[in-house]
């Protein structure tokens, strides 16, 4: 009988919090009105009620971005709905589904200061509880020799896989080397594997992906991802608590060690560098794999110890470069597919041609577009995309690339962009190729050899000839002068 009563009580509690949130949704939907149905579907339907703790309702939101957005735009509406159901002392608690990469952040975080200042009544405060399993704790139970090996969480993000890492000419070497390392960690000549390149080009993604693939292929291997800052903080804490030996023993038992953003040690952290140097030697001698990321090549890392730099040059230094336009388009298609969103090819091409610095900016534009479309109930059109991108890049000078020049020229002449790359001698295709070379030389800082290689694999002499031909025609042919002038206006828009 007691068990039956407990089951009935548990069912009632479950029904209570589900019912409370259902009533809250009714209030929110009524307040938004039918004209804002898309807003309701986008920002409130994905929320899942978890439990009711006294007068506190715990709900789960799908991401940190989602939480920040509803807190900034709909906190008053949420507060009103919760108070109507739970009374004036009604409170709300969020459980955020977070990436494992940020597992080392505090478990409890208070509201942003802007919300705290806006709220004079403590009853209306809303706070966040990061939803996290104990297995995600920072691996800091240092292991003492002789004690059974402790299970260590890798701190890898499940979202960063080799399957969703888009391959292109810009990263093919790094990705291939990463796969080889995952197959035979510590057994290839790629030890250490140093991934370097500018921000936002996928170094962290690829390093995580190699770790995940290694765990998949070698479940017995201990894999650990750690940021350089986290490693430095752990070493400092070990020094303060007189547990340096435990720190060393802990890291010596790692089979695949991934250290992200090592450039942050440059010019500081001398003791940390020394500790890592000795750890590096130990891991390497025992055929354990070391993977390091940096935003600079070893030759440009000023401020790191010379002997540590020499170790970084032992294996493979793989450069991740800025993705070309075709790779950027594939990245966009994949991200849209993952989100279950459809955009026209014109929109995707416009984003790919205009956002040409790194992958993070591509993601930023996509998020802005989706938010604008959802909140304002607008279709994602080419015009809306242009408005978003103009705002997005207004604080920086937009770089005009050879790819973009070819796209504008071919659109103007109503030709496919691919025609410039073939060997056809048709008059209109030759003209498109020559105009692309002319504007590339005039607008970009690329060398003649680079321009020629991207415009049908021509040599620098062909580029010079094309530029002279277009300039002569511009001075002698009225129609050509009109075409060149119109194209120049398009590049200034």
Protein backbone atom coordinates (compact mmCIF):
# COMPACT_ATOMS: atom_id res chain seq x y z
CA UNK A 1 0.00 0.00 0.00
CA UNK A 2 2.82 2.40 0.84
CA UNK A 3 4.41 1.79 -2.57
CA UNK A 4 1.07 2.48 -4.24
CA UNK A 5 0.75 5.76 -2.34
CA UNK A 6 4.28 6.79 -3.34
CA UNK A 7 3.48 6.07 -6.99
CA UNK A 8 0.26 8.09 -6.80
CA UNK A 9 2.10 10.99 -5.13
CA UNK A 10 4.88 10.92 -7.77
CA UNK A 11 2.27 10.88 -10.54
CA UNK A 12 0.46 13.85 -8.99
CA UNK A 13 3.73 15.85 -8.76
CA UNK A 14 4.54 15.01 -12.35
CA UNK A 15 1.09 16.05 -13.47
CA UNK A 16 1.42 19.25 -11.43
CA UNK A 17 4.56 20.56 -13.14
CA UNK A 18 3.37 19.47 -16.59
CA UNK A 19 0.02 21.13 -15.95
CA UNK A 20 1.67 24.30 -14.57
CA UNK A 21 3.85 24.69 -17.66
CA UNK A 22 0.90 23.93 -19.98
CA UNK A 23 -1.06 26.74 -18.31
CA UNK A 24 1.97 29.03 -18.58
CA UNK A 25 2.13 28.31 -22.31
CA UNK A 26 -1.54 29.24 -22.68
CA UNK A 27 -0.89 32.60 -21.02
CA UNK A 28 2.18 33.23 -23.17
CA UNK A 29 0.35 32.26 -26.36
CA UNK A 30 -2.56 34.56 -25.53
CA UNK A 31 -0.23 37.47 -24.78
CA UNK A 32 1.71 37.01 -28.02
CA UNK A 33 -1.44 36.72 -30.11
CA UNK A 34 -2.04 34.81 -33.31
CA UNK A 35 0.13 37.21 -35.29
CA UNK A 36 3.18 36.03 -33.31
CA UNK A 37 2.56 32.30 -33.67
CA UNK A 38 6.00 31.84 -35.26
CA UNK A 39 7.62 33.44 -32.20
CA UNK A 40 5.73 31.09 -29.90
CA UNK A 41 6.70 28.03 -31.99
CA UNK A 42 10.34 29.09 -32.19
CA UNK A 43 11.07 30.20 -28.62
CA UNK A 44 8.53 28.52 -26.31
CA UNK A 45 7.50 25.18 -27.81
CA UNK A 46 11.04 23.71 -27.48
CA UNK A 47 11.04 24.35 -23.71
CA UNK A 48 10.54 21.18 -21.66
CA UNK A 49 9.26 21.23 -18.05
CA UNK A 50 11.40 19.05 -15.74
CA UNK A 51 9.93 19.29 -12.24
CA UNK A 52 8.27 21.48 -9.66
CA UNK A 53 10.24 22.27 -6.50
CA UNK A 54 7.89 24.09 -4.13
CA UNK A 55 7.11 27.39 -5.87
CA UNK A 56 10.00 26.96 -8.32
CA UNK A 57 9.35 25.54 -11.78
CA UNK A 58 12.39 23.96 -13.45
CA UNK A 59 12.39 24.04 -17.26
CA UNK A 60 14.96 22.85 -19.80
CA UNK A 61 16.09 24.99 -22.76
CA UNK A 62 18.12 23.61 -25.69
CA UNK A 63 21.16 25.92 -25.59
CA UNK A 64 22.94 28.84 -23.95
CA UNK A 65 22.01 31.06 -26.91
CA UNK A 66 18.35 30.09 -26.49
CA UNK A 67 18.46 30.98 -22.78
CA UNK A 68 20.12 34.34 -23.38
CA UNK A 69 17.63 35.22 -26.11
CA UNK A 70 14.46 34.52 -24.11
CA UNK A 71 15.97 36.22 -21.05
CA UNK A 72 16.67 39.34 -23.06
CA UNK A 73 13.38 39.48 -24.94
CA UNK A 74 10.72 37.56 -22.99
CA UNK A 75 11.67 37.53 -19.30
CA UNK A 76 8.74 39.79 -18.34
CA UNK A 77 6.30 37.55 -20.18
CA UNK A 78 7.71 34.44 -18.50
CA UNK A 79 7.59 36.09 -15.09
CA UNK A 80 3.95 37.07 -15.56
CA UNK A 81 2.94 33.56 -16.67
CA UNK A 82 4.75 31.82 -13.80
CA UNK A 83 3.31 34.20 -11.17
CA UNK A 84 -0.21 33.60 -12.44
CA UNK A 85 0.20 29.87 -11.86
CA UNK A 86 2.44 29.75 -8.76
CA UNK A 87 1.53 32.99 -6.99
CA UNK A 88 3.57 36.12 -6.24
CA UNK A 89 6.52 34.02 -4.99
CA UNK A 90 6.63 31.97 -8.15
CA UNK A 91 10.16 31.39 -9.43
CA UNK A 92 11.76 29.87 -12.50
CA UNK A 93 14.87 27.77 -12.87
CA UNK A 94 16.55 26.87 -16.16
CA UNK A 95 18.40 23.69 -17.01
CA UNK A 96 20.57 24.37 -20.07
CA UNK A 97 21.66 21.62 -22.42
CA UNK A 98 25.29 22.64 -22.88
CA UNK A 99 28.27 21.47 -24.91
CA UNK A 100 30.72 19.30 -23.02
CA UNK A 101 33.47 21.69 -24.10
CA UNK A 102 32.34 24.12 -21.41
CA UNK A 103 32.06 21.52 -18.71
CA UNK A 104 34.65 23.28 -16.60
CA UNK A 105 32.42 26.32 -16.04
CA UNK A 106 30.62 26.75 -12.70
CA UNK A 107 27.51 24.66 -12.21
CA UNK A 108 25.42 27.58 -10.98
CA UNK A 109 25.40 30.94 -12.67
CA UNK A 110 23.29 33.93 -11.64
CA UNK A 111 21.34 36.08 -14.01
CA UNK A 112 23.24 38.59 -16.16
CA UNK A 113 23.69 41.88 -14.30
CA UNK A 114 21.30 43.69 -16.59
CA UNK A 115 18.46 41.50 -15.33
CA UNK A 116 19.44 41.81 -11.72
CA UNK A 117 19.53 45.58 -11.96
CA UNK A 118 16.22 45.66 -13.73
CA UNK A 119 14.56 43.62 -11.00
CA UNK A 120 14.08 45.29 -7.62
CA UNK A 121 11.94 42.47 -6.31
CA UNK A 122 14.01 39.38 -5.43
CA UNK A 123 10.95 37.20 -5.86
CA UNK A 124 11.16 37.71 -9.62
CA UNK A 125 14.81 36.68 -9.91
CA UNK A 126 15.40 33.87 -12.33
CA UNK A 127 18.53 31.77 -12.04
CA UNK A 128 20.30 29.16 -14.14
CA UNK A 129 21.35 25.65 -13.30
CA UNK A 130 23.65 24.14 -15.90
CA UNK A 131 22.42 20.61 -16.49
CA UNK A 132 25.46 18.39 -16.25
CA UNK A 133 26.24 14.82 -15.37
CA UNK A 134 28.91 14.13 -12.77
CA UNK A 135 30.90 12.45 -15.54
CA UNK A 136 31.43 15.87 -17.10
CA UNK A 137 33.32 17.21 -14.11
CA UNK A 138 36.76 18.63 -14.82
CA UNK A 139 39.21 15.70 -14.52
CA UNK A 140 40.99 16.84 -11.39
CA UNK A 141 40.95 13.84 -9.04
CA UNK A 142 44.72 13.40 -9.49
CA UNK A 143 45.67 9.76 -9.51
CA UNK A 144 48.30 8.47 -7.11
CA UNK A 145 50.50 5.60 -8.43
CA UNK A 146 49.35 2.20 -7.22
CA UNK A 147 45.68 3.17 -7.05
CA UNK A 148 43.35 1.78 -9.69
CA UNK A 149 43.11 3.96 -12.79
CA UNK A 150 40.26 6.43 -12.40
CA UNK A 151 37.73 6.87 -15.18
CA UNK A 152 38.41 10.24 -16.76
CA UNK A 153 35.91 12.20 -18.78
CA UNK A 154 37.47 13.32 -22.06
CA UNK A 155 35.82 16.79 -22.09
CA UNK A 156 35.17 16.31 -25.81
CA UNK A 157 32.16 17.86 -27.49
CA UNK A 158 29.90 15.29 -29.13
CA UNK A 159 28.95 17.89 -31.76
CA UNK A 160 32.48 18.21 -33.14
CA UNK A 161 32.92 15.08 -35.27
CA UNK A 162 34.94 14.25 -38.36
CA UNK A 163 31.68 13.53 -40.17
CA UNK A 164 30.43 17.11 -39.80
CA UNK A 165 33.86 18.69 -40.38
CA UNK A 166 33.55 19.93 -43.97
CA UNK A 167 36.66 19.07 -45.96
CA UNK A 168 38.15 21.40 -48.58
CA UNK A 169 41.49 22.36 -50.07
CA UNK A 170 41.94 24.64 -47.05
CA UNK A 171 42.04 21.80 -44.52
CA UNK A 172 42.51 18.51 -46.39
CA UNK A 173 46.01 17.82 -45.09
CA UNK A 174 45.02 18.50 -41.47
CA UNK A 175 41.90 16.33 -41.69
CA UNK A 176 43.74 13.42 -43.36
CA UNK A 177 46.51 13.57 -40.76
CA UNK A 178 43.89 13.69 -38.01
CA UNK A 179 42.22 10.54 -39.30
CA UNK A 180 45.59 8.76 -39.47
CA UNK A 181 46.29 9.78 -35.87
CA UNK A 182 42.89 8.48 -34.73
CA UNK A 183 43.58 5.12 -36.40
CA UNK A 184 47.01 4.70 -34.82
CA UNK A 185 47.45 7.19 -31.95
CA UNK A 186 51.10 7.61 -31.04
CA UNK A 187 52.22 5.17 -33.74
CA UNK A 188 52.56 7.56 -36.70
CA UNK A 189 55.14 10.20 -37.56
CA UNK A 190 52.42 12.81 -36.82
CA UNK A 191 53.34 13.03 -33.15
CA UNK A 192 52.90 15.72 -32.09
CA UNK A 193 50.18 16.89 -34.47
CA UNK A 194 50.08 20.69 -34.41
CA UNK A 195 46.98 22.29 -35.97
CA UNK A 196 47.46 25.99 -36.58
CA UNK A 197 45.58 28.77 -38.36
CA UNK A 198 43.62 31.97 -37.76
CA UNK A 199 40.59 32.10 -35.46
CA UNK A 200 37.36 30.49 -36.57
CA UNK A 201 38.85 28.06 -39.09
CA UNK A 202 38.01 24.83 -37.24
CA UNK A 203 41.10 23.96 -35.19
CA UNK A 204 39.13 23.16 -32.03
CA UNK A 205 36.51 21.28 -34.04
CA UNK A 206 39.11 19.11 -35.75
CA UNK A 207 41.07 18.45 -32.55
CA UNK A 208 37.83 17.35 -30.82
CA UNK A 209 36.89 15.23 -33.82
CA UNK A 210 40.22 13.39 -33.73
CA UNK A 211 39.67 12.68 -30.05
CA UNK A 212 36.16 11.33 -30.65
CA UNK A 213 37.31 9.15 -33.55
CA UNK A 214 40.16 7.80 -31.41
CA UNK A 215 37.72 6.84 -28.64
CA UNK A 216 35.48 5.18 -31.20
CA UNK A 217 38.34 3.13 -32.68
CA UNK A 218 40.20 2.51 -29.41
CA UNK A 219 37.76 2.43 -26.47
CA UNK A 220 40.58 1.40 -24.15
CA UNK A 221 42.52 4.64 -24.76
CA UNK A 222 42.27 7.51 -22.29
CA UNK A 223 41.63 10.71 -24.26
CA UNK A 224 41.61 14.16 -22.68
CA UNK A 225 40.88 17.57 -24.18
CA UNK A 226 42.10 20.54 -22.14
CA UNK A 227 42.55 24.23 -22.94
CA UNK A 228 45.96 25.77 -22.33
CA UNK A 229 44.39 28.09 -19.76
CA UNK A 230 42.79 25.18 -17.91
CA UNK A 231 46.10 23.29 -17.85
CA UNK A 232 47.86 26.39 -16.51
CA UNK A 233 45.24 26.92 -13.79
CA UNK A 234 45.41 23.28 -12.72
CA UNK A 235 49.20 23.45 -12.47
CA UNK A 236 49.02 26.65 -10.42
CA UNK A 237 46.44 25.10 -8.07
CA UNK A 238 48.60 21.99 -7.70
CA UNK A 239 51.52 24.24 -6.72
CA UNK A 240 49.44 26.07 -4.11
CA UNK A 241 48.16 22.82 -2.60
CA UNK A 242 51.56 21.07 -2.80
CA UNK A 243 50.19 18.34 -5.12
CA UNK A 244 52.51 18.78 -8.13
CA UNK A 245 53.39 15.06 -8.10
CA UNK A 246 49.73 14.12 -8.29
CA UNK A 247 49.25 16.58 -11.17
CA UNK A 248 52.17 15.02 -13.06
CA UNK A 249 51.01 11.43 -12.44
CA UNK A 250 47.51 12.32 -13.60
CA UNK A 251 48.65 13.67 -16.96
CA UNK A 252 51.28 10.97 -17.51
CA UNK A 253 48.57 8.31 -17.73
CA UNK A 254 46.77 10.05 -20.64
CA UNK A 255 47.02 8.16 -23.96
CA UNK A 256 45.86 11.01 -26.21
CA UNK A 257 46.34 14.53 -24.86
CA UNK A 258 44.76 17.46 -26.72
CA UNK A 259 45.90 20.94 -25.66
CA UNK A 260 43.94 23.79 -27.26
CA UNK A 261 45.28 27.32 -27.93
CA UNK A 262 48.83 26.90 -26.72
CA UNK A 263 49.68 30.42 -27.92
CA UNK A 264 48.24 31.76 -24.64
CA UNK A 265 51.37 30.57 -22.85
CA UNK A 266 53.58 32.85 -24.95
CA UNK A 267 55.47 35.39 -22.85
CA UNK A 268 54.16 33.99 -19.55
CA UNK A 269 53.56 30.77 -17.63
CA UNK A 270 57.24 29.78 -17.59
CA UNK A 271 56.71 27.11 -14.92
CA UNK A 272 53.70 25.74 -16.80
CA UNK A 273 55.79 25.58 -19.98
CA UNK A 274 58.52 23.71 -18.14
CA UNK A 275 56.01 21.22 -16.69
CA UNK A 276 54.47 20.66 -20.12
CA UNK A 277 57.93 20.19 -21.67
CA UNK A 278 58.68 17.30 -19.29
CA UNK A 279 55.17 15.88 -19.74
CA UNK A 280 55.61 16.11 -23.52
CA UNK A 281 58.84 14.10 -23.31
CA UNK A 282 57.23 11.43 -21.13
CA UNK A 283 54.16 10.99 -23.36
CA UNK A 284 56.22 10.97 -26.55
CA UNK A 285 58.70 8.40 -25.21
CA UNK A 286 55.83 6.12 -24.22
CA UNK A 287 54.22 6.46 -27.68
CA UNK A 288 51.23 8.41 -26.43
CA UNK A 289 49.68 10.90 -28.84
CA UNK A 290 49.94 14.67 -28.40
CA UNK A 291 47.65 17.04 -30.34
CA UNK A 292 48.11 20.80 -30.03
CA UNK A 293 46.30 23.75 -31.57
CA UNK A 294 47.59 27.28 -32.03
CA UNK A 295 46.62 30.37 -33.98
CA UNK A 296 50.24 30.68 -35.18
CA UNK A 297 52.85 28.41 -36.70
CA UNK A 298 55.76 27.44 -34.38
CA UNK A 299 58.09 29.86 -36.17
CA UNK A 300 55.75 32.73 -35.22
CA UNK A 301 55.17 31.74 -31.59
CA UNK A 302 57.22 34.34 -29.79
CA UNK A 303 57.53 33.86 -26.05
CA UNK A 304 57.51 30.06 -25.84
CA UNK A 305 60.59 28.30 -24.52
CA UNK A 306 63.04 27.35 -27.28
CA UNK A 307 63.21 23.71 -26.25
CA UNK A 308 59.40 23.47 -26.19
CA UNK A 309 59.20 25.05 -29.65
CA UNK A 310 61.69 22.48 -30.92
CA UNK A 311 59.42 19.70 -29.66
CA UNK A 312 56.44 21.19 -31.48
CA UNK A 313 58.39 20.86 -34.73
CA UNK A 314 59.04 17.13 -34.28
CA UNK A 315 55.81 15.91 -35.85
CA UNK A 316 53.46 17.44 -38.40
CA UNK A 317 52.48 21.12 -38.52
CA UNK A 318 49.17 21.22 -40.41
CA UNK A 319 47.88 24.60 -41.51
CA UNK A 320 44.15 25.34 -41.65
CA UNK A 321 43.51 28.11 -44.16
CA UNK A 322 40.53 30.31 -44.97
CA UNK A 323 37.91 28.18 -46.79
CA UNK A 324 37.27 28.97 -50.44
CA UNK A 325 33.81 29.86 -51.66
CA UNK A 326 32.83 26.27 -52.55
CA UNK A 327 33.85 25.03 -49.10
CA UNK A 328 31.93 27.89 -47.48
CA UNK A 329 28.83 26.89 -49.42
CA UNK A 330 29.17 23.26 -48.32
CA UNK A 331 29.57 24.43 -44.70
CA UNK A 332 26.37 26.47 -44.97
CA UNK A 333 24.41 23.61 -46.57
CA UNK A 334 25.51 21.24 -43.81
CA UNK A 335 24.64 23.62 -40.98
CA UNK A 336 21.21 24.28 -42.49
CA UNK A 337 20.64 20.56 -42.89
CA UNK A 338 21.55 20.00 -39.24
CA UNK A 339 19.05 22.71 -38.21
CA UNK A 340 16.35 21.38 -40.54
CA UNK A 341 16.08 24.73 -42.33
CA UNK A 342 15.75 25.34 -46.06
CA UNK A 343 17.21 28.40 -47.79
CA UNK A 344 17.36 29.23 -51.47
CA UNK A 345 20.59 28.72 -53.38
CA UNK A 346 20.74 32.48 -54.09
CA UNK A 347 20.78 33.26 -50.36
CA UNK A 348 23.45 30.65 -49.63
CA UNK A 349 25.63 31.87 -52.50
CA UNK A 350 25.30 35.48 -51.36
CA UNK A 351 26.37 34.60 -47.81
CA UNK A 352 29.26 32.46 -49.06
CA UNK A 353 30.58 35.17 -51.36
CA UNK A 354 30.25 38.00 -48.84
CA UNK A 355 31.36 36.35 -45.59
CA UNK A 356 34.82 35.13 -46.46
CA UNK A 357 36.86 35.38 -43.27
CA UNK A 358 35.99 32.36 -41.11
CA UNK A 359 33.36 29.78 -40.21
CA UNK A 360 32.23 31.55 -37.03
CA UNK A 361 31.10 34.57 -39.02
CA UNK A 362 29.13 32.29 -41.34
CA UNK A 363 27.40 30.84 -38.27
CA UNK A 364 26.76 34.32 -36.89
CA UNK A 365 24.99 35.41 -40.05
CA UNK A 366 22.88 32.24 -40.10
CA UNK A 367 21.78 32.75 -36.48
CA UNK A 368 20.89 36.39 -37.21
CA UNK A 369 18.88 35.39 -40.28
CA UNK A 370 16.96 32.68 -38.42
CA UNK A 371 16.20 35.00 -35.53
CA UNK A 372 15.00 37.81 -37.81
CA UNK A 373 12.87 35.41 -39.83
CA UNK A 374 11.28 33.86 -36.75
CA UNK A 375 10.67 37.02 -34.73
CA UNK A 376 9.41 39.17 -37.58
CA UNK A 377 7.66 36.34 -39.42
CA UNK A 378 9.68 37.11 -42.51
CA UNK A 379 10.71 34.70 -45.22
CA UNK A 380 14.49 34.45 -45.59
CA UNK A 381 14.88 36.26 -48.89
CA UNK A 382 17.90 37.61 -50.70
CA UNK A 383 16.88 41.14 -49.72
CA UNK A 384 16.69 40.26 -46.01
CA UNK A 385 20.06 38.51 -46.29
CA UNK A 386 21.63 41.62 -47.82
CA UNK A 387 20.27 43.76 -44.96
CA UNK A 388 21.63 41.38 -42.31
CA UNK A 389 25.06 41.13 -43.93
CA UNK A 390 25.30 44.90 -44.42
CA UNK A 391 24.73 45.34 -40.67
CA UNK A 392 27.00 42.45 -39.82
CA UNK A 393 30.02 43.78 -41.71
CA UNK A 394 29.41 47.52 -41.44
CA UNK A 395 32.09 47.88 -38.74
CA UNK A 396 34.77 46.29 -40.90
CA UNK A 397 36.01 46.74 -44.43
CA UNK A 398 34.57 44.07 -46.67
CA UNK A 399 37.29 42.18 -48.48
CA UNK A 400 36.56 41.61 -52.17
CA UNK A 401 37.95 38.27 -53.24
CA UNK A 402 38.69 36.81 -56.66
CA UNK A 403 35.79 34.39 -56.16
CA UNK A 404 33.43 37.28 -55.53
CA UNK A 405 34.69 39.17 -58.59
CA UNK A 406 34.10 36.13 -60.78
CA UNK A 407 30.57 35.76 -59.38
CA UNK A 408 29.66 39.41 -60.07
CA UNK A 409 31.14 39.34 -63.58
CA UNK A 410 29.42 36.08 -64.51
CA UNK A 411 26.07 37.22 -63.08
CA UNK A 412 26.37 40.42 -65.12
CA UNK A 413 27.17 38.52 -68.32
CA UNK A 414 24.58 35.81 -67.48
CA UNK A 415 27.13 33.00 -67.48
CA UNK A 416 27.76 30.20 -64.97
CA UNK A 417 30.78 30.89 -62.74
CA UNK A 418 32.27 27.51 -63.71
CA UNK A 419 32.69 28.67 -67.32
CA UNK A 420 35.70 30.82 -66.33
CA UNK A 421 37.60 27.70 -65.27
CA UNK A 422 37.21 25.74 -68.50
CA UNK A 423 39.34 26.05 -71.64
CA UNK A 424 36.58 27.30 -73.94
CA UNK A 425 37.56 30.02 -76.44
CA UNK A 426 33.99 31.28 -76.90
CA UNK A 427 33.95 35.04 -77.07
CA UNK A 428 31.66 35.62 -74.09
CA UNK A 429 33.63 33.23 -71.85
CA UNK A 430 36.98 34.78 -72.83
CA UNK A 431 35.49 38.21 -72.03
CA UNK A 432 34.28 37.01 -68.59
CA UNK A 433 37.72 35.59 -67.84
CA UNK A 434 39.51 38.77 -68.94
CA UNK A 435 37.15 41.03 -66.98
CA UNK A 436 37.68 38.88 -63.87
CA UNK A 437 41.45 39.16 -64.26
CA UNK A 438 41.22 42.92 -64.86
CA UNK A 439 39.18 43.63 -61.73
CA UNK A 440 41.13 41.12 -59.63
CA UNK A 441 44.36 42.98 -60.43
CA UNK A 442 42.71 46.34 -59.84
CA UNK A 443 40.83 45.56 -56.61
CA UNK A 444 42.66 42.76 -54.79
CA UNK A 445 46.21 42.49 -53.52
CA UNK A 446 46.69 39.09 -55.15
CA UNK A 447 49.75 38.46 -57.32
CA UNK A 448 49.42 37.88 -61.06
CA UNK A 449 50.26 34.23 -60.56
CA UNK A 450 47.48 33.77 -57.98
CA UNK A 451 44.95 35.59 -60.19
CA UNK A 452 45.90 33.41 -63.16
CA UNK A 453 45.65 30.20 -61.14
CA UNK A 454 42.09 31.08 -60.05
CA UNK A 455 40.97 32.24 -63.49
CA UNK A 456 41.32 29.11 -65.59
CA UNK A 457 44.83 28.16 -64.41
CA UNK A 458 46.52 30.79 -66.61
CA UNK A 459 50.05 32.16 -66.21
CA UNK A 460 50.97 35.71 -65.20
CA UNK A 461 51.65 36.74 -68.83
CA UNK A 462 48.06 35.85 -69.75
CA UNK A 463 46.78 37.97 -66.87
CA UNK A 464 48.84 40.97 -68.00
CA UNK A 465 47.57 40.54 -71.56
CA UNK A 466 43.95 40.36 -70.35
CA UNK A 467 44.34 43.54 -68.28
CA UNK A 468 45.84 45.46 -71.21
CA UNK A 469 43.11 44.19 -73.56
CA UNK A 470 40.28 45.34 -71.27
CA UNK A 471 41.93 48.73 -70.65
CA UNK A 472 42.40 49.33 -74.40
CA UNK A 473 38.80 48.33 -75.13
CA UNK A 474 37.58 50.58 -72.36
CA UNK A 475 39.28 53.57 -73.98
CA UNK A 476 38.21 52.77 -77.55
CA UNK A 477 34.88 50.96 -77.30
CA UNK A 478 31.87 52.75 -75.84
CA UNK A 479 29.96 49.55 -75.03
CA UNK A 480 32.95 48.08 -73.23
CA UNK A 481 33.43 51.29 -71.24
CA UNK A 482 29.78 51.10 -70.19
CA UNK A 483 30.16 47.46 -69.07
CA UNK A 484 33.30 48.17 -67.06
CA UNK A 485 31.72 51.22 -65.41
CA UNK A 486 28.60 49.26 -64.43
CA UNK A 487 30.67 46.46 -62.96
CA UNK A 488 32.74 48.97 -60.97
CA UNK A 489 29.55 50.33 -59.45
CA UNK A 490 28.54 46.81 -58.39
CA UNK A 491 31.86 46.34 -56.58
CA UNK A 492 31.34 49.64 -54.74
CA UNK A 493 27.82 48.74 -53.56
